[in-house]
Amino acid sequence: MKGGPFRAVIVSEVEVVEDWRKQIAKWLVKDGCLYAVTWGVECEAWHDAVDWAVLEEFEFGDIPDDRFVMTTWHAKEPLSEALWFAGQCAFHPDVELDKTLLLQISDEPRRTEMLDTYAVSQVADDE
């Protein structure tokens, strides 16, 4: 997702090999991900992979405030709550994030369903 800083929501529905997860995490960090929300299968491993990718990007040294990547994992929550969190709470302390990438790791991609689920999660119950 070129073109500025963004938040990523990793919706993991299947197990993947560790090397592939690391490659994806490195790609996200290099491309400008500054907040990663992880949900689903191995979501803690996805969270850790992003954290390690940031450390490696800066050779385990100081990370500039505007490049620090916030990460959260949502293992025991419904997807709708993790998506709500991404849109309503996943903010970076130093950089405005005006883009959200939904990254679905699945054997059966459901682009429209995922986008609809995200949109619905952002609407307050009283609206």
C-alpha atoms as a PDB file:
ATOM      1  CA  MET A   1       0.000   0.000   0.000  1.00  0.00           C
ATOM      2  CA  LYS A   2       2.269   2.761  -1.236  1.00  0.00           C
ATOM      3  CA  GLY A   3       1.450   6.348  -0.562  1.00  0.00           C
ATOM      4  CA  GLY A   4       1.827   7.029   3.094  1.00  0.00           C
ATOM      5  CA  PRO A   5       1.497   5.570   6.543  1.00  0.00           C
ATOM      6  CA  PHE A   6      -1.341   3.166   7.261  1.00  0.00           C
ATOM      7  CA  ARG A   7      -2.796   0.733   9.756  1.00  0.00           C
ATOM      8  CA  ALA A   8      -3.089  -2.930   8.831  1.00  0.00           C
ATOM      9  CA  VAL A   9      -5.613  -5.443  10.073  1.00  0.00           C
ATOM     10  CA  ILE A  10      -4.290  -8.970   9.624  1.00  0.00           C
ATOM     11  CA  VAL A  11      -7.216 -11.390   9.563  1.00  0.00           C
ATOM     12  CA  SER A  12      -5.582 -14.798   9.801  1.00  0.00           C
ATOM     13  CA  GLU A  13      -7.901 -17.709   9.086  1.00  0.00           C
ATOM     14  CA  VAL A  14      -5.288 -20.391   8.357  1.00  0.00           C
ATOM     15  CA  GLU A  15      -1.876 -21.409   9.641  1.00  0.00           C
ATOM     16  CA  VAL A  16       1.105 -20.345   7.537  1.00  0.00           C
ATOM     17  CA  VAL A  17       4.790 -21.162   7.585  1.00  0.00           C
ATOM     18  CA  GLU A  18       6.889 -18.886   9.751  1.00  0.00           C
ATOM     19  CA  ASP A  19       9.152 -17.666   6.918  1.00  0.00           C
ATOM     20  CA  TRP A  20       6.169 -16.488   4.866  1.00  0.00           C
ATOM     21  CA  ARG A  21       4.695 -14.674   7.905  1.00  0.00           C
ATOM     22  CA  LYS A  22       8.058 -12.951   8.441  1.00  0.00           C
ATOM     23  CA  GLN A  23       8.202 -11.866   4.786  1.00  0.00           C
ATOM     24  CA  ILE A  24       4.718 -10.375   4.983  1.00  0.00           C
ATOM     25  CA  ALA A  25       5.573  -8.569   8.235  1.00  0.00           C
ATOM     26  CA  LYS A  26       8.729  -7.100   6.675  1.00  0.00           C
ATOM     27  CA  TRP A  27       6.756  -5.997   3.614  1.00  0.00           C
ATOM     28  CA  LEU A  28       4.172  -4.252   5.822  1.00  0.00           C
ATOM     29  CA  VAL A  29       6.837  -2.414   7.818  1.00  0.00           C
ATOM     30  CA  LYS A  30       8.819  -1.360   4.744  1.00  0.00           C
ATOM     31  CA  ASP A  31       5.634  -0.174   3.031  1.00  0.00           C
ATOM     32  CA  GLY A  32       4.623   2.159   5.869  1.00  0.00           C
ATOM     33  CA  CYS A  33       2.486   0.175   8.289  1.00  0.00           C
ATOM     34  CA  LEU A  34       2.540   2.022  11.616  1.00  0.00           C
ATOM     35  CA  TYR A  35      -0.179   0.073  13.425  1.00  0.00           C
ATOM     36  CA  ALA A  36      -0.851  -3.649  13.047  1.00  0.00           C
ATOM     37  CA  VAL A  37      -4.002  -5.189  14.483  1.00  0.00           C
ATOM     38  CA  THR A  38      -3.875  -8.987  14.326  1.00  0.00           C
ATOM     39  CA  TRP A  39      -6.818 -11.364  14.689  1.00  0.00           C
ATOM     40  CA  GLY A  40      -7.472 -15.061  14.255  1.00  0.00           C
ATOM     41  CA  VAL A  41      -5.253 -18.095  13.815  1.00  0.00           C
ATOM     42  CA  GLU A  42      -1.760 -17.475  15.169  1.00  0.00           C
ATOM     43  CA  CYS A  43      -2.576 -13.807  15.734  1.00  0.00           C
ATOM     44  CA  GLU A  44       0.044 -13.536  18.477  1.00  0.00           C
ATOM     45  CA  ALA A  45       2.665 -14.926  16.065  1.00  0.00           C
ATOM     46  CA  TRP A  46       1.608 -12.305  13.494  1.00  0.00           C
ATOM     47  CA  HIS A  47       1.897  -9.618  16.173  1.00  0.00           C
ATOM     48  CA  ASP A  48       5.389 -10.820  17.108  1.00  0.00           C
ATOM     49  CA  ALA A  49       6.469 -11.036  13.458  1.00  0.00           C
ATOM     50  CA  VAL A  50       5.618  -7.367  12.937  1.00  0.00           C
ATOM     51  CA  ASP A  51       7.446  -6.398  16.138  1.00  0.00           C
ATOM     52  CA  TRP A  52      10.553  -8.309  14.975  1.00  0.00           C
ATOM     53  CA  ALA A  53      10.327  -6.782  11.488  1.00  0.00           C
ATOM     54  CA  VAL A  54      10.503  -3.293  13.001  1.00  0.00           C
ATOM     55  CA  LEU A  55      13.497  -4.224  15.138  1.00  0.00           C
ATOM     56  CA  GLU A  56      15.275  -5.710  12.120  1.00  0.00           C
ATOM     57  CA  GLU A  57      14.407  -2.703   9.931  1.00  0.00           C
ATOM     58  CA  PHE A  58      16.352  -0.507  12.350  1.00  0.00           C
ATOM     59  CA  GLU A  59      19.071  -3.079  13.047  1.00  0.00           C
ATOM     60  CA  PHE A  60      17.946  -3.432  16.675  1.00  0.00           C
ATOM     61  CA  GLY A  61      18.828   0.212  17.334  1.00  0.00           C
ATOM     62  CA  ASP A  62      16.812   3.310  18.008  1.00  0.00           C
ATOM     63  CA  ILE A  63      13.492   3.493  16.178  1.00  0.00           C
ATOM     64  CA  PRO A  64      12.386   7.008  15.193  1.00  0.00           C
ATOM     65  CA  ASP A  65       9.055   7.967  16.768  1.00  0.00           C
ATOM     66  CA  ASP A  66       7.457   8.429  13.356  1.00  0.00           C
ATOM     67  CA  ARG A  67       8.446   4.896  12.279  1.00  0.00           C
ATOM     68  CA  PHE A  68       7.560   3.016  15.456  1.00  0.00           C
ATOM     69  CA  VAL A  69       4.894   0.406  14.732  1.00  0.00           C
ATOM     70  CA  MET A  70       2.154  -0.121  17.296  1.00  0.00           C
ATOM     71  CA  THR A  71       0.836  -3.698  17.493  1.00  0.00           C
ATOM     72  CA  THR A  72      -2.098  -5.431  19.160  1.00  0.00           C
ATOM     73  CA  TRP A  73      -3.493  -8.934  18.958  1.00  0.00           C
ATOM     74  CA  HIS A  74      -7.125  -9.909  19.458  1.00  0.00           C
ATOM     75  CA  ALA A  75      -7.169 -13.658  20.074  1.00  0.00           C
ATOM     76  CA  LYS A  76     -10.371 -14.005  22.062  1.00  0.00           C
ATOM     77  CA  GLU A  77     -12.564 -11.383  20.436  1.00  0.00           C
ATOM     78  CA  PRO A  78     -15.031 -11.645  17.586  1.00  0.00           C
ATOM     79  CA  LEU A  79     -13.701 -10.311  14.290  1.00  0.00           C
ATOM     80  CA  SER A  80     -16.203  -7.445  14.423  1.00  0.00           C
ATOM     81  CA  GLU A  81     -14.614  -6.186  17.666  1.00  0.00           C
ATOM     82  CA  ALA A  82     -11.080  -6.357  16.285  1.00  0.00           C
ATOM     83  CA  LEU A  83     -12.235  -4.454  13.199  1.00  0.00           C
ATOM     84  CA  TRP A  84     -14.010  -1.881  15.372  1.00  0.00           C
ATOM     85  CA  PHE A  85     -10.809  -1.460  17.383  1.00  0.00           C
ATOM     86  CA  ALA A  86      -8.819  -0.895  14.188  1.00  0.00           C
ATOM     87  CA  GLY A  87     -11.104   1.873  13.004  1.00  0.00           C
ATOM     88  CA  GLN A  88     -11.859   3.517  16.333  1.00  0.00           C
ATOM     89  CA  CYS A  89      -8.791   2.994  18.549  1.00  0.00           C
ATOM     90  CA  ALA A  90      -5.741   2.083  16.448  1.00  0.00           C
ATOM     91  CA  PHE A  91      -4.072   5.469  16.263  1.00  0.00           C
ATOM     92  CA  HIS A  92      -0.388   6.275  16.158  1.00  0.00           C
ATOM     93  CA  PRO A  93       0.857   8.809  18.728  1.00  0.00           C
ATOM     94  CA  ASP A  94       2.991  10.721  16.204  1.00  0.00           C
ATOM     95  CA  VAL A  95       1.603  10.118  12.723  1.00  0.00           C
ATOM     96  CA  GLU A  96      -1.906  10.411  11.334  1.00  0.00           C
ATOM     97  CA  LEU A  97      -3.061   7.155   9.749  1.00  0.00           C
ATOM     98  CA  ASP A  98      -5.672   7.876   7.113  1.00  0.00           C
ATOM     99  CA  LYS A  99      -5.556   4.475   5.392  1.00  0.00           C
ATOM    100  CA  THR A 100      -6.463   0.989   6.547  1.00  0.00           C
ATOM    101  CA  LEU A 101      -5.299  -2.199   4.864  1.00  0.00           C
ATOM    102  CA  LEU A 102      -7.360  -5.329   5.484  1.00  0.00           C
ATOM    103  CA  LEU A 103      -5.111  -8.321   4.899  1.00  0.00           C
ATOM    104  CA  GLN A 104      -7.051 -11.584   4.885  1.00  0.00           C
ATOM    105  CA  ILE A 105      -4.962 -14.750   5.185  1.00  0.00           C
ATOM    106  CA  SER A 106      -7.367 -17.431   4.022  1.00  0.00           C
ATOM    107  CA  ASP A 107      -7.922 -20.350   1.695  1.00  0.00           C
ATOM    108  CA  GLU A 108     -11.130 -18.676   0.533  1.00  0.00           C
ATOM    109  CA  PRO A 109     -10.805 -14.935  -0.041  1.00  0.00           C
ATOM    110  CA  ARG A 110     -13.989 -12.987   0.632  1.00  0.00           C
ATOM    111  CA  ARG A 111     -13.120  -9.433  -0.357  1.00  0.00           C
ATOM    112  CA  THR A 112     -16.639  -8.008  -0.452  1.00  0.00           C
ATOM    113  CA  GLU A 113     -17.704  -9.746   2.756  1.00  0.00           C
ATOM    114  CA  MET A 114     -14.583  -8.523   4.564  1.00  0.00           C
ATOM    115  CA  LEU A 115     -15.072  -4.922   3.407  1.00  0.00           C
ATOM    116  CA  ASP A 116     -18.752  -5.049   4.391  1.00  0.00           C
ATOM    117  CA  THR A 117     -17.899  -6.483   7.818  1.00  0.00           C
ATOM    118  CA  TYR A 118     -15.374  -3.703   8.361  1.00  0.00           C
ATOM    119  CA  ALA A 119     -17.860  -1.020   7.301  1.00  0.00           C
ATOM    120  CA  VAL A 120     -20.574  -2.370   9.613  1.00  0.00           C
ATOM    121  CA  SER A 121     -18.110  -2.569  12.525  1.00  0.00           C
ATOM    122  CA  GLN A 122     -17.487   1.167  12.249  1.00  0.00           C
ATOM    123  CA  VAL A 123     -21.138   2.176  12.684  1.00  0.00           C
ATOM    124  CA  ALA A 124     -22.239   2.889  16.247  1.00  0.00           C
ATOM    125  CA  ASP A 125     -25.219   0.875  17.538  1.00  0.00           C
ATOM    126  CA  ASP A 126     -27.249   4.028  18.139  1.00  0.00           C
ATOM    127  CA  GLU A 127     -26.896   5.348  14.570  1.00  0.00           C
END
